[in-house]
Amino acid sequence: MSREEVIWAPWRMSYIQELSEAGQATQLTPDYDFLPDAAPDCFLCQAVADVAPHAAQWRHRVAMSEQTITVLNKYPYNNGHLLVAPRRHVGNLSALTTEEQLGLMQEVTRMTERLRDVVHPDGFNVGINLGRVAGAGLPGHLHIHIVPRWNGDINFMPAIGGIKVIPQSLDALWDALTRVV
């Protein structure tokens, strides 16, 4: 008989409730202003198009420029995990315009510096998963992962319990990253 360890995580309840209301969350409303080639069921396209009051906070949208959108990853590998994507729904690097390529790299640079100032990591993993076989959970909308790393951030929990502990809520991190300096 295996022993099951229980770790209480009451902050996860909002995620569970969000999943049960997922059908309502993706319905089109007058508060959406989709780009011409957007995919209405794509969370990044929704984050670009959502013009409702408080949409930035609810969608954890950290920044949006003419070419890019940056959001907190709802399923972070580490505290501060960001996704930087073109605003346009595009799945391949070769389909990006020169302006989108430049905008993505400029935003990755800006966001790594913002994370450096706010959460003080010792380094970063920055990468793109192209295609589902490469780990892309959203293969239709290209996005760049920025994962802050700290010396010693691989603690014993993932190794012995299959558990990752993230020390800060998405809302608290969003507040810190969007606070005007």
Foldseek 3Di string as FASTA:
>chain_A
DDDDDDDDDVVCVVVVVCVVCVVVVLDDDPQFDFDPQDDSSDLLRRLLGGNDVCSCLVSQFQDDDPFWTKHADPDDPAPPKIKIFTNHFAQDPVPDDPVNVVVRVVVVVVSVVLCCVQVNAPDWDKAWQADVVSPDPCRRTTIIIIHGHHVPLPDCCCVPPVDHDYPDDSSVVSCRSNDDD
